[in-house]
């Protein structure tokens, strides 16, 4: 899942070298934290949060296939 988030984020942003994804285990399951350059935050979030919501949906589907829960946070 980490690789998928990284791949999508690097395809969207202007500075792909600034993309960092970290994984943490939380109470609700896996927490993926996405960090991008300050100028690229808007690109990752998208208009009305559509890009971020689409990424979250993909993460939830992949996690459900594994029988887990996952959350994407944009830091």
N, C-alpha and C. Protein backbone atom coordinates (compact mmCIF):
# COMPACT_ATOMS: atom_id res chain seq x y z
N UNK A 1 0.81 -1.18 0.00
CA UNK A 1 0.00 0.00 0.00
C UNK A 1 0.86 1.26 0.00
N UNK A 2 1.95 1.20 0.74
CA UNK A 2 2.86 2.34 0.79
C UNK A 2 3.37 2.69 -0.60
N UNK A 3 3.70 1.66 -1.37
CA UNK A 3 4.23 1.87 -2.71
C UNK A 3 3.18 2.50 -3.63
N UNK A 4 1.93 2.10 -3.48
CA UNK A 4 0.86 2.65 -4.30
C UNK A 4 0.67 4.13 -4.02
N UNK A 5 0.64 4.51 -2.76
CA UNK A 5 0.47 5.92 -2.39
C UNK A 5 1.64 6.74 -2.92
N UNK A 6 2.84 6.20 -2.77
CA UNK A 6 4.04 6.88 -3.26
C UNK A 6 3.98 7.07 -4.78
N UNK A 7 3.59 6.03 -5.50
CA UNK A 7 3.51 6.08 -6.96
C UNK A 7 2.50 7.14 -7.42
N UNK A 8 1.33 7.15 -6.82
CA UNK A 8 0.30 8.11 -7.20
C UNK A 8 0.74 9.53 -6.88
N UNK A 9 1.28 9.73 -5.69
CA UNK A 9 1.69 11.07 -5.28
C UNK A 9 2.81 11.60 -6.16
N UNK A 10 3.79 10.76 -6.49
CA UNK A 10 4.89 11.21 -7.34
C UNK A 10 4.43 11.56 -8.74
N UNK A 11 3.37 10.92 -9.21
CA UNK A 11 2.83 11.22 -10.54
C UNK A 11 2.09 12.55 -10.56
N UNK A 12 1.59 12.98 -9.42
CA UNK A 12 0.78 14.20 -9.35
C UNK A 12 1.61 15.45 -9.10
N UNK A 13 2.60 15.37 -8.21
CA UNK A 13 3.30 16.56 -7.73
C UNK A 13 4.37 17.05 -8.70
N UNK A 14 4.81 18.29 -8.46
CA UNK A 14 5.88 18.88 -9.25
C UNK A 14 7.26 18.49 -8.73
N UNK A 15 7.35 18.20 -7.44
CA UNK A 15 8.62 17.82 -6.81
C UNK A 15 8.52 16.41 -6.25
N UNK A 16 8.69 15.39 -7.10
CA UNK A 16 8.54 14.00 -6.64
C UNK A 16 9.60 13.57 -5.62
N UNK A 17 10.72 14.27 -5.55
CA UNK A 17 11.74 13.89 -4.58
C UNK A 17 11.33 14.24 -3.16
N UNK A 18 10.35 15.12 -3.00
CA UNK A 18 9.88 15.54 -1.68
C UNK A 18 8.80 14.62 -1.11
N UNK A 19 8.36 13.64 -1.88
CA UNK A 19 7.28 12.75 -1.44
C UNK A 19 7.83 11.72 -0.45
N UNK A 20 7.19 11.63 0.71
CA UNK A 20 7.57 10.65 1.72
C UNK A 20 6.30 10.00 2.26
N UNK A 21 6.31 8.69 2.36
CA UNK A 21 5.19 7.95 2.92
C UNK A 21 5.72 7.09 4.07
N UNK A 22 5.08 7.22 5.23
CA UNK A 22 5.45 6.41 6.38
C UNK A 22 4.25 5.59 6.82
N UNK A 23 4.54 4.40 7.34
CA UNK A 23 3.50 3.50 7.83
C UNK A 23 3.59 3.40 9.34
N UNK A 24 2.43 3.45 9.99
CA UNK A 24 2.36 3.27 11.44
C UNK A 24 1.19 2.36 11.74
N UNK A 25 1.34 1.55 12.77
CA UNK A 25 0.23 0.73 13.23
C UNK A 25 -0.50 1.51 14.32
N UNK A 26 -1.78 1.70 14.13
CA UNK A 26 -2.59 2.42 15.12
C UNK A 26 -3.68 1.52 15.67
N UNK A 27 -4.56 2.10 16.48
CA UNK A 27 -5.66 1.35 17.05
C UNK A 27 -6.61 0.84 15.98
N UNK A 28 -6.85 1.68 14.97
CA UNK A 28 -7.80 1.33 13.91
C UNK A 28 -7.16 0.53 12.78
N UNK A 29 -5.88 0.28 12.85
CA UNK A 29 -5.19 -0.47 11.79
C UNK A 29 -3.99 0.31 11.29
N UNK A 30 -3.73 0.20 10.02
CA UNK A 30 -2.57 0.82 9.41
C UNK A 30 -2.84 2.29 9.10
N UNK A 31 -1.89 3.16 9.46
CA UNK A 31 -1.99 4.58 9.16
C UNK A 31 -0.86 4.94 8.21
N UNK A 32 -1.21 5.41 7.03
CA UNK A 32 -0.23 5.86 6.05
C UNK A 32 -0.18 7.38 6.09
N UNK A 33 1.00 7.92 6.34
CA UNK A 33 1.16 9.37 6.39
C UNK A 33 1.93 9.82 5.17
N UNK A 34 1.32 10.72 4.41
CA UNK A 34 1.90 11.24 3.17
C UNK A 34 2.39 12.65 3.38
N UNK A 35 3.67 12.88 3.10
CA UNK A 35 4.26 14.21 3.19
C UNK A 35 4.72 14.63 1.80
N UNK A 36 4.36 15.86 1.41
CA UNK A 36 4.80 16.42 0.14
C UNK A 36 5.29 17.84 0.38
N UNK A 37 5.88 18.44 -0.64
CA UNK A 37 6.34 19.82 -0.54
C UNK A 37 5.12 20.73 -0.31
N UNK A 38 5.31 21.83 0.41
CA UNK A 38 4.17 22.73 0.70
C UNK A 38 3.44 23.21 -0.55
N UNK A 39 4.15 23.44 -1.64
CA UNK A 39 3.51 23.90 -2.87
C UNK A 39 2.69 22.82 -3.54
N UNK A 40 2.94 21.55 -3.22
CA UNK A 40 2.25 20.43 -3.86
C UNK A 40 1.06 19.91 -3.07
N UNK A 41 0.83 20.45 -1.88
CA UNK A 41 -0.28 19.96 -1.06
C UNK A 41 -1.61 20.09 -1.78
N UNK A 42 -1.81 21.20 -2.44
CA UNK A 42 -3.06 21.42 -3.16
C UNK A 42 -3.27 20.42 -4.27
N UNK A 43 -2.21 20.03 -4.93
CA UNK A 43 -2.31 19.04 -6.01
C UNK A 43 -2.71 17.68 -5.45
N UNK A 44 -2.16 17.32 -4.31
CA UNK A 44 -2.46 16.01 -3.72
C UNK A 44 -3.88 15.98 -3.17
N UNK A 45 -4.34 17.09 -2.62
CA UNK A 45 -5.69 17.14 -2.08
C UNK A 45 -6.72 17.24 -3.20
N UNK A 46 -6.45 18.06 -4.20
CA UNK A 46 -7.35 18.20 -5.34
C UNK A 46 -8.52 19.13 -5.04
N UNK A 47 -9.28 19.42 -6.07
CA UNK A 47 -10.45 20.28 -5.91
C UNK A 47 -11.48 19.59 -5.04
N UNK A 48 -11.88 20.26 -3.99
CA UNK A 48 -12.86 19.75 -3.03
C UNK A 48 -12.43 18.40 -2.44
N UNK A 49 -11.12 18.13 -2.43
CA UNK A 49 -10.61 16.91 -1.82
C UNK A 49 -10.82 15.65 -2.63
N UNK A 50 -11.08 15.78 -3.91
CA UNK A 50 -11.41 14.61 -4.73
C UNK A 50 -10.23 13.67 -4.93
N UNK A 51 -9.04 14.21 -5.15
CA UNK A 51 -7.87 13.35 -5.36
C UNK A 51 -7.54 12.59 -4.07
N UNK A 52 -7.56 13.31 -2.95
CA UNK A 52 -7.28 12.67 -1.67
C UNK A 52 -8.32 11.60 -1.36
N UNK A 53 -9.57 11.89 -1.64
CA UNK A 53 -10.63 10.92 -1.38
C UNK A 53 -10.47 9.68 -2.25
N UNK A 54 -10.07 9.87 -3.50
CA UNK A 54 -9.85 8.73 -4.39
C UNK A 54 -8.71 7.86 -3.88
N UNK A 55 -7.63 8.48 -3.42
CA UNK A 55 -6.51 7.73 -2.87
C UNK A 55 -6.94 6.97 -1.62
N UNK A 56 -7.73 7.60 -0.77
CA UNK A 56 -8.22 6.94 0.44
C UNK A 56 -9.10 5.74 0.10
N UNK A 57 -9.91 5.89 -0.93
CA UNK A 57 -10.78 4.78 -1.35
C UNK A 57 -9.94 3.60 -1.82
N UNK A 58 -8.91 3.85 -2.62
CA UNK A 58 -8.03 2.77 -3.08
C UNK A 58 -7.36 2.07 -1.90
N UNK A 59 -6.90 2.84 -0.94
CA UNK A 59 -6.24 2.28 0.23
C UNK A 59 -7.20 1.40 1.02
N UNK A 60 -8.44 1.88 1.21
CA UNK A 60 -9.42 1.08 1.94
C UNK A 60 -9.73 -0.23 1.24
N UNK A 61 -9.83 -0.19 -0.09
CA UNK A 61 -10.13 -1.41 -0.85
C UNK A 61 -8.99 -2.41 -0.71
N UNK A 62 -7.76 -1.96 -0.87
CA UNK A 62 -6.61 -2.86 -0.72
C UNK A 62 -6.53 -3.44 0.69
N UNK A 63 -6.79 -2.62 1.67
CA UNK A 63 -6.74 -3.10 3.06
C UNK A 63 -7.86 -4.11 3.31
N UNK A 64 -9.02 -3.88 2.76
CA UNK A 64 -10.14 -4.80 2.95
C UNK A 64 -9.83 -6.16 2.34
N UNK A 65 -9.14 -6.17 1.22
CA UNK A 65 -8.75 -7.44 0.61
C UNK A 65 -7.83 -8.23 1.51
N UNK A 66 -7.02 -7.52 2.30
CA UNK A 66 -6.10 -8.18 3.24
C UNK A 66 -6.76 -8.43 4.59
N UNK A 67 -8.00 -7.99 4.75
CA UNK A 67 -8.69 -8.17 6.02
C UNK A 67 -8.24 -7.19 7.09
N UNK A 68 -7.79 -6.02 6.67
CA UNK A 68 -7.29 -5.01 7.59
C UNK A 68 -8.04 -3.70 7.37
N UNK A 69 -7.69 -2.71 8.18
CA UNK A 69 -8.20 -1.37 7.99
C UNK A 69 -6.99 -0.47 7.75
N UNK A 70 -7.19 0.54 6.91
CA UNK A 70 -6.10 1.47 6.62
C UNK A 70 -6.66 2.88 6.46
N UNK A 71 -5.84 3.86 6.86
CA UNK A 71 -6.23 5.26 6.79
C UNK A 71 -5.08 6.03 6.15
N UNK A 72 -5.42 7.00 5.29
CA UNK A 72 -4.41 7.86 4.68
C UNK A 72 -4.51 9.25 5.28
N UNK A 73 -3.39 9.74 5.81
CA UNK A 73 -3.33 11.10 6.34
C UNK A 73 -2.34 11.90 5.52
N UNK A 74 -2.74 13.10 5.14
CA UNK A 74 -1.84 14.00 4.41
C UNK A 74 -1.31 14.99 5.42
N UNK A 75 0.00 14.94 5.64
CA UNK A 75 0.63 15.76 6.68
C UNK A 75 1.10 17.06 6.08
